[in-house]
Each structure stands twice: as structure tokens, then as C-alpha cells.
Amino acid sequence: MTDALSKLLSERDWLLADGATGTTLFDMGLAAGEAPETWNETHPDRIRALYQGAVEAGSDMFLTNSFGANAARLKLHGAERRARELARRAAELGREVADAAGRPVVVAGSVGPTGEILEPVGSLAHALAVEMFEEAATGLREGGADVLWLETISAPEEFRAAAEAFERVGMPWCGTMSFDTAGRTMMGLTSAGLGRLVETLPNPPIAFGANCGTGASDLLRTLLGFAASGTERPIVAKANAGIPRFVDGHIHYDGTPELMADYAVMARDAGARIIGGCCGTTPAHLRAMRAALETRPAAQRPTLEQIADRLGGFSSESDGLGEDGAARLRRGGRRRS
């Protein structure tokens, strides 16, 4: 049986994903140091509102409030034994909202990093990481998630551990990494490296790509790296809404809906099939992105110069791929149909 996400991808050229979870919950009153996942039980109406905001803005899918639903992260809050039930509740609330949407909406079970470094560089054993990811994935499956969504990963070891866990649970999945260090992840992986990693997995993801990072320009540069590899797998783009600024004791992102609309169209033209936002992306941004994707015609794959001109400069000179990669991206070219 075809999963819900693959079915939509077979019918559509692009899908609109959701926006921010964490920054939206902070705007709703989440306190610094509070585990967002506990709100699935204590403030379910606010979590429904989070999901509903994306649906009403036109998103074809949204991520559940389960990013930190693993034993390692929840241990910081004395809730390490509750990962499965909190993940399950996140998906149950999502299922309610999606089923009432009146159109197909995919519930993507968010799975974030453990927050620890795996062996051999760190101390977290592979088997224990797999166990943590499996626990979260099981809860999300029980709650009715359509697909698992691994996000904001930096290390290939952690990506592999999650993939193994998802295979055990028997669910389709997608995976994104955060390329926030001169075109590389914090652990040094490039866009080309992720592309190679994905194809070596026994159970590769439906789609892969990048999320978060240091702004829309940098994420699109990474996206061009994926596209240049010639991958046939759907690519995901979920950029932050601009750059964070600390204003009046709160973090605000300076990306306007107009900027994110430009980003969404350029992401599509660069080869992305699933396009959304990450930190700072509100329903207002999503509505502008949807409108732009529906009304602006497809164009040639953007060059680095065009990206910088439209969305702002890059945070670093390097794209992580070296001179050959940079030259290839700079040339651009027509996007594949």
C-alpha cells in the first residue's frame, strides 16, 4: 500500500510543508527550559492550534510536536521514561487535525537528534541511539503519524541509527540535516556527503534535504548541492525565516513573508519537491509561500548570484564542496522536470 506522502508526491510537482514549531510555541507562552513535548498533555489545544495554523495556511503536511521526544533529551526534564507516550500524544493530536482538514494532509512524526554524540567520536553507543529512536518512532506510529520525519541532524552516525530504528518500526521516513557551518553540518558532512549516505542505507528515505541552518540563502546553496549530484530522490527544503535577532528579551526572525515567498519559488526551481520553513516561519509566511508557488511559473535553476541578490548574502564564502562544487553551482542551469 502506498504511503500518504508518496501518494501526494506522485500527484503533485511540489508540496508545501509547515513552519516553525519551537518559536511558535514560545509565542504561545512556552517558557525557556520547558520541554515542548509535555504540552501535548498539558496544553493540547495549543498544539492543535499549532497544527491547525499550518493547515489553514495551505500546508500539505505538518510536523508533530515530538522533536525532543527521546530519552536523552527528556532526561533533562526528569521525563526520560515518557518518550513513547509523549510522541504518541503528539501524533494523536496531529491525526485529529489532519482528519478534519477536508483534504489530504500528511502527519509527519518529527524525530530530532538525541543531543549526544555517538561513538566513536562521542560516548553514546549505536545500539542505545537506535533504541531511543525506535521508542519515539513507535509512539508516533501508535498515534497515527503517516511518515517519520528525522530533522536537524548533524552526524552521519546518528542518521544511520535513526534509519535502522525506523526500519524496525516499519514506517516510511524522510530525513534532513542542518548545514550551518560553512556549507557543512556541525560534524562536517557536506550536501554531497548526505546524498551519498542516503543511497547506502538499506531503507533509504522517501525524501531528504536540509532544514534550519543559517538562513534561506545558505539553505538554497546547499539545495543546489543536492540537485547537482543528480539525485532522483525528492529533495526537502525547510529554511529559517531570515536571521534571528534578539529584541526586547525575545528572539525574532527578520525574514518577511515576501522574502519567504521568493525563497519558496527559488527552492522549487532549484529542484525541491517538499518546501517549508523552519524557525521563525509563521502561518503568514506559509500563506505567502503557497500563493507564490501556485502563481509564479517555473524558471531556470537559480545561480548563487541570483540567490544572494534576491535573498541576501551567504554567511560564509565556502559552500562546503570545494572549488569544483562551487563552480558547478554558480553555473546554475535548467531544472529537471
Protein backbone atom coordinates (compact mmCIF):
# COMPACT_ATOMS: atom_id res chain seq x y z
CA MET A 1 0.00 0.00 0.00
CA THR A 2 1.37 3.42 -0.99
CA ASP A 3 2.04 5.70 1.97
CA ALA A 4 0.26 9.05 2.16
CA LEU A 5 3.33 11.17 1.40
CA SER A 6 4.44 9.13 -1.60
CA LYS A 7 0.91 9.27 -2.96
CA LEU A 8 0.86 13.08 -2.79
CA LEU A 9 4.33 13.29 -4.34
CA SER A 10 3.14 11.13 -7.24
CA GLU A 11 0.26 13.54 -7.88
CA ARG A 12 1.95 16.90 -7.38
CA ASP A 13 5.09 18.69 -8.56
CA TRP A 14 5.64 20.23 -5.12
CA LEU A 15 4.21 20.06 -1.61
CA LEU A 16 4.09 22.82 0.99
CA ALA A 17 5.35 21.70 4.38
CA ASP A 18 4.78 23.59 7.64
CA GLY A 19 6.68 26.29 9.50
CA ALA A 20 8.22 26.67 12.93
CA THR A 21 7.32 24.57 15.94
CA GLY A 22 9.62 25.85 18.68
CA THR A 23 9.41 29.58 18.00
CA THR A 24 5.64 29.34 17.56
CA LEU A 25 5.26 27.60 20.91
CA PHE A 26 7.40 30.26 22.58
CA ASP A 27 5.00 32.85 21.17
CA MET A 28 2.17 30.82 22.75
CA GLY A 29 3.81 31.00 26.16
CA LEU A 30 6.28 28.12 26.35
CA ALA A 31 8.89 29.01 28.96
CA ALA A 32 12.63 28.75 28.40
CA GLY A 33 13.82 25.39 29.70
CA GLU A 34 10.36 23.82 29.45
CA ALA A 35 10.01 20.63 27.41
CA PRO A 36 7.68 21.42 24.48
CA GLU A 37 6.56 17.79 24.30
CA THR A 38 4.86 18.00 27.72
CA TRP A 39 2.40 20.46 26.18
CA ASN A 40 0.92 17.54 24.24
CA GLU A 41 -0.71 16.62 27.56
CA THR A 42 -0.91 19.89 29.48
CA HIS A 43 -1.93 22.21 26.63
CA PRO A 44 -3.39 20.03 23.85
CA ASP A 45 -5.49 22.91 22.49
CA ARG A 46 -2.34 24.94 21.84
CA ILE A 47 -0.76 22.03 19.99
CA ARG A 48 -3.90 21.60 17.91
CA ALA A 49 -3.72 25.33 17.16
CA LEU A 50 -0.08 24.92 16.09
CA TYR A 51 -1.05 22.22 13.61
CA GLN A 52 -4.23 24.00 12.52
CA GLY A 53 -2.29 27.16 11.73
CA ALA A 54 -0.25 25.29 9.14
CA VAL A 55 -3.27 23.55 7.65
CA GLU A 56 -5.24 26.80 7.32
CA ALA A 57 -2.23 28.47 5.69
CA GLY A 58 -2.23 25.81 2.98
CA SER A 59 0.35 23.28 4.15
CA ASP A 60 0.08 19.81 2.67
CA MET A 61 1.83 18.32 5.69
CA PHE A 62 2.93 19.31 9.18
CA LEU A 63 5.40 18.03 11.73
CA THR A 64 4.29 16.80 15.14
CA ASN A 65 5.40 18.34 18.44
CA SER A 66 7.79 15.49 19.19
CA PHE A 67 11.20 16.83 18.18
CA GLY A 68 12.70 16.16 21.62
CA ALA A 69 10.68 13.05 22.48
CA ASN A 70 13.65 10.82 23.20
CA ALA A 71 15.08 9.57 26.47
CA ALA A 72 18.30 11.58 26.22
CA ARG A 73 16.56 14.93 25.82
CA LEU A 74 13.68 14.21 28.19
CA LYS A 75 16.12 13.15 30.89
CA LEU A 76 16.90 16.86 31.30
CA HIS A 77 13.30 17.26 32.48
CA GLY A 78 13.01 14.05 34.52
CA ALA A 79 10.75 12.54 31.86
CA GLU A 80 13.09 10.07 30.18
CA ARG A 81 10.59 7.21 30.66
CA ARG A 82 7.80 9.08 28.89
CA ALA A 83 9.22 9.44 25.38
CA ARG A 84 6.88 6.93 23.77
CA GLU A 85 3.68 8.27 25.32
CA LEU A 86 4.54 11.91 24.60
CA ALA A 87 5.35 11.05 20.99
CA ARG A 88 2.13 9.08 20.69
CA ARG A 89 0.09 12.01 22.03
CA ALA A 90 1.79 14.41 19.60
CA ALA A 91 0.72 12.22 16.69
CA GLU A 92 -2.80 11.67 18.04
CA LEU A 93 -3.40 15.42 18.14
CA GLY A 94 -1.99 15.71 14.64
CA ARG A 95 -4.25 12.94 13.39
CA GLU A 96 -7.30 14.79 14.75
CA VAL A 97 -6.38 17.97 12.88
CA ALA A 98 -5.41 16.26 9.62
CA ASP A 99 -8.53 14.10 9.51
CA ALA A 100 -10.73 17.18 9.93
CA ALA A 101 -8.96 19.17 7.19
CA GLY A 102 -11.27 18.17 4.36
CA ARG A 103 -8.32 17.45 2.06
CA PRO A 104 -5.26 15.18 2.19
CA VAL A 105 -2.82 16.42 4.85
CA VAL A 106 0.18 14.32 5.88
CA VAL A 107 1.05 13.96 9.57
CA ALA A 108 4.84 13.77 9.77
CA GLY A 109 6.18 12.46 13.06
CA SER A 110 9.08 14.73 13.99
CA VAL A 111 12.19 12.97 15.33
CA GLY A 112 15.03 15.24 16.40
CA PRO A 113 18.60 14.43 17.45
CA THR A 114 19.41 12.88 20.80
CA GLY A 115 21.59 15.84 21.74
CA GLU A 116 24.52 13.48 22.35
CA ILE A 117 27.46 12.45 20.16
CA LEU A 118 27.64 8.84 19.03
CA GLU A 119 30.67 6.59 19.18
CA PRO A 120 33.44 6.60 18.10
CA VAL A 121 33.69 10.38 18.50
CA GLY A 122 31.35 10.57 21.48
CA SER A 123 30.11 8.22 24.18
CA LEU A 124 26.60 7.29 23.01
CA ALA A 125 26.55 3.69 21.78
CA HIS A 126 24.93 2.98 18.42
CA ALA A 127 22.61 0.37 19.92
CA LEU A 128 21.34 2.79 22.56
CA ALA A 129 20.73 5.51 19.96
CA VAL A 130 18.74 3.04 17.85
CA GLU A 131 16.72 2.12 20.93
CA MET A 132 15.90 5.78 21.64
CA PHE A 133 14.83 6.47 18.07
CA GLU A 134 12.78 3.27 17.97
CA GLU A 135 10.92 4.27 21.12
CA ALA A 136 9.95 7.65 19.66
CA ALA A 137 9.05 6.15 16.29
CA THR A 138 6.86 3.51 17.92
CA GLY A 139 4.91 6.16 19.78
CA LEU A 140 4.44 8.19 16.61
CA ARG A 141 3.23 5.12 14.72
CA GLU A 142 0.78 4.29 17.50
CA GLY A 143 -0.54 7.85 17.44
CA GLY A 144 -1.29 7.73 13.73
CA ALA A 145 1.61 9.51 12.02
CA ASP A 146 1.75 8.88 8.28
CA VAL A 147 5.52 9.19 7.97
CA LEU A 148 8.52 9.67 10.27
CA TRP A 149 10.48 12.88 9.81
CA LEU A 150 14.09 12.96 11.01
CA GLU A 151 15.33 16.55 11.23
CA THR A 152 18.20 18.82 12.29
CA ILE A 153 20.74 16.01 12.30
CA SER A 154 24.48 16.75 12.11
CA ALA A 155 26.26 13.39 12.29
CA PRO A 156 26.05 10.56 9.76
CA GLU A 157 26.25 8.06 12.63
CA GLU A 158 23.04 9.44 14.11
CA PHE A 159 21.33 9.46 10.70
CA ARG A 160 22.18 5.77 10.29
CA ALA A 161 20.97 4.91 13.79
CA ALA A 162 17.62 6.57 13.14
CA ALA A 163 17.27 4.81 9.78
CA GLU A 164 17.84 1.46 11.48
CA ALA A 165 15.22 2.26 14.12
CA PHE A 166 12.67 3.29 11.50
CA GLU A 167 13.23 0.05 9.62
CA ARG A 168 12.50 -1.88 12.82
CA VAL A 169 9.28 0.05 13.31
CA GLY A 170 8.34 -0.48 9.68
CA MET A 171 7.45 3.08 8.73
CA PRO A 172 8.39 5.25 5.73
CA TRP A 173 10.52 8.25 6.57
CA CYS A 174 12.22 11.42 5.41
CA GLY A 175 15.47 12.89 6.72
CA THR A 176 17.02 16.34 6.82
CA MET A 177 20.26 17.67 8.19
CA SER A 178 21.26 21.19 9.24
CA PHE A 179 24.14 22.64 7.22
CA ASP A 180 25.11 25.54 9.43
CA THR A 181 28.93 25.52 9.38
CA ALA A 182 30.31 26.94 6.10
CA GLY A 183 28.17 24.65 3.98
CA ARG A 184 28.66 21.65 6.24
CA THR A 185 26.85 20.17 9.21
CA MET A 186 28.35 20.75 12.64
CA MET A 187 30.01 17.32 12.29
CA GLY A 188 31.49 18.17 8.89
CA LEU A 189 29.15 16.48 6.40
CA THR A 190 28.52 18.24 3.06
CA SER A 191 25.42 18.17 0.88
CA ALA A 192 27.20 15.71 -1.40
CA GLY A 193 28.06 13.58 1.62
CA LEU A 194 24.43 13.36 2.68
CA GLY A 195 23.43 12.44 -0.85
CA ARG A 196 25.89 9.55 -0.81
CA LEU A 197 24.90 8.48 2.69
CA VAL A 198 21.21 8.26 1.80
CA GLU A 199 21.90 5.89 -1.08
CA THR A 200 23.93 3.50 1.11
CA LEU A 201 21.12 2.88 3.60
CA PRO A 202 19.23 -0.44 3.49
CA ASN A 203 15.98 1.52 3.88
CA PRO A 204 16.58 4.93 2.29
CA PRO A 205 14.18 7.78 3.00
CA ILE A 206 11.37 8.83 0.69
CA ALA A 207 12.93 12.29 0.55
CA PHE A 208 15.96 14.02 2.04
CA GLY A 209 17.31 17.51 2.34
CA ALA A 210 18.11 20.38 4.67
CA ASN A 211 16.38 22.30 7.43
CA CYS A 212 17.16 25.14 9.81
CA GLY A 213 20.76 26.35 9.36
CA THR A 214 21.73 30.00 8.97
CA GLY A 215 19.12 31.45 6.62
CA ALA A 216 17.35 30.96 3.32
CA SER A 217 20.33 31.84 1.11
CA ASP A 218 22.62 29.28 2.71
CA LEU A 219 19.96 26.59 2.61
CA LEU A 220 19.37 27.16 -1.10
CA ARG A 221 23.10 26.89 -1.72
CA THR A 222 23.01 23.50 0.00
CA LEU A 223 19.95 22.58 -2.04
CA LEU A 224 21.86 23.28 -5.26
CA GLY A 225 24.50 20.88 -3.99
CA PHE A 226 21.88 18.12 -3.70
CA ALA A 227 20.48 18.86 -7.15
CA ALA A 228 23.94 18.94 -8.76
CA SER A 229 24.52 15.36 -7.60
CA GLY A 230 21.81 14.18 -9.98
CA THR A 231 19.71 12.50 -7.31
CA GLU A 232 16.31 11.21 -8.38
CA ARG A 233 15.04 11.22 -4.79
CA PRO A 234 12.70 14.09 -3.78
CA ILE A 235 14.55 16.94 -2.07
CA VAL A 236 13.34 18.79 1.02
CA ALA A 237 13.93 22.47 1.78
CA LYS A 238 12.93 23.94 5.17
CA ALA A 239 14.77 27.21 5.75
CA ASN A 240 14.58 29.57 8.70
CA ALA A 241 12.63 32.77 8.13
CA GLY A 242 15.64 35.03 7.92
CA ILE A 243 18.25 35.61 10.61
CA PRO A 244 17.47 35.61 14.36
CA ARG A 245 17.65 38.93 16.23
CA PHE A 246 17.39 39.39 19.98
CA VAL A 247 14.77 42.09 20.56
CA ASP A 248 13.21 43.05 23.91
CA GLY A 249 14.26 39.81 25.54
CA HIS A 250 12.93 37.59 22.74
CA ILE A 251 14.35 36.06 19.58
CA HIS A 252 12.75 37.32 16.36
CA TYR A 253 13.47 36.27 12.79
CA ASP A 254 13.75 39.08 10.25
CA GLY A 255 12.51 37.23 7.17
CA THR A 256 9.31 38.75 5.81
CA PRO A 257 6.52 36.78 4.13
CA GLU A 258 7.66 38.35 0.85
CA LEU A 259 11.21 37.06 1.33
CA MET A 260 9.97 33.57 2.18
CA ALA A 261 7.73 33.62 -0.90
CA ASP A 262 10.80 34.35 -3.03
CA TYR A 263 12.71 31.60 -1.21
CA ALA A 264 9.92 29.06 -1.80
CA VAL A 265 9.84 29.70 -5.55
CA MET A 266 13.63 29.56 -5.82
CA ALA A 267 13.66 26.33 -3.81
CA ARG A 268 11.17 24.82 -6.24
CA ASP A 269 13.22 25.99 -9.22
CA ALA A 270 16.36 24.59 -7.60
CA GLY A 271 14.78 21.14 -7.52
CA ALA A 272 12.99 20.86 -4.17
CA ARG A 273 9.74 18.87 -4.09
CA ILE A 274 8.86 19.48 -0.42
CA ILE A 275 9.17 23.13 0.61
CA GLY A 276 8.52 24.64 4.02
CA GLY A 277 10.03 26.80 6.71
CA CYS A 278 11.82 26.24 9.96
CA CYS A 279 12.50 28.65 12.86
CA GLY A 280 10.52 31.87 12.70
CA THR A 281 8.20 30.71 9.92
CA THR A 282 4.61 31.64 10.75
CA PRO A 283 1.28 30.94 9.03
CA ALA A 284 1.60 34.38 7.40
CA HIS A 285 4.87 33.24 5.80
CA LEU A 286 3.28 29.97 4.71
CA ARG A 287 0.32 31.71 3.06
CA ALA A 288 2.70 33.89 1.05
CA MET A 289 4.77 30.86 0.10
CA ARG A 290 1.72 28.94 -1.07
CA ALA A 291 0.45 31.84 -3.14
CA ALA A 292 3.83 32.30 -4.80
CA LEU A 293 4.24 28.61 -5.59
CA GLU A 294 0.79 28.49 -7.15
CA THR A 295 1.08 31.65 -9.25
CA ARG A 296 4.71 32.07 -10.29
CA PRO A 297 5.82 29.96 -13.26
CA ALA A 298 8.76 27.59 -13.08
CA ALA A 299 12.10 29.05 -14.11
CA GLN A 300 15.70 28.01 -14.60
CA ARG A 301 17.61 26.72 -11.62
CA PRO A 302 18.90 29.82 -9.79
CA THR A 303 22.57 30.64 -9.61
CA LEU A 304 24.40 31.63 -6.44
CA GLU A 305 24.45 35.22 -7.63
CA GLN A 306 20.70 35.27 -8.15
CA ILE A 307 20.08 33.76 -4.72
CA ALA A 308 22.28 36.33 -2.99
CA ASP A 309 20.72 39.17 -4.94
CA ARG A 310 17.17 38.14 -4.05
CA LEU A 311 17.52 36.74 -0.52
CA GLY A 312 20.73 38.26 0.83
CA GLY A 313 24.35 37.19 1.03
CA PHE A 314 25.72 33.91 2.31
CA SER A 315 27.06 33.51 5.83
CA SER A 316 30.35 32.06 4.55
CA GLU A 317 32.45 32.04 1.40
CA SER A 318 32.55 28.25 1.27
CA ASP A 319 29.70 26.01 0.17
CA GLY A 320 31.50 23.01 1.67
CA LEU A 321 32.04 21.38 -1.74
CA GLY A 322 35.35 22.91 -2.77
CA GLU A 323 36.15 24.87 -5.90
CA ASP A 324 34.75 22.32 -8.34
CA GLY A 325 31.45 22.23 -6.50
CA ALA A 326 31.25 26.00 -6.22
CA ALA A 327 31.82 26.42 -9.94
CA ARG A 328 29.17 23.85 -10.74
CA LEU A 329 26.60 25.59 -8.53
CA ARG A 330 27.48 29.02 -9.90
CA ARG A 331 26.64 27.96 -13.43
CA GLY A 332 23.09 27.04 -12.49
CA GLY A 333 21.13 25.53 -15.37
CA ARG A 334 17.63 24.44 -16.23
CA ARG A 335 15.87 22.42 -13.54
CA ARG A 336 14.93 18.89 -14.41
CA SER A 337 11.23 18.25 -14.97
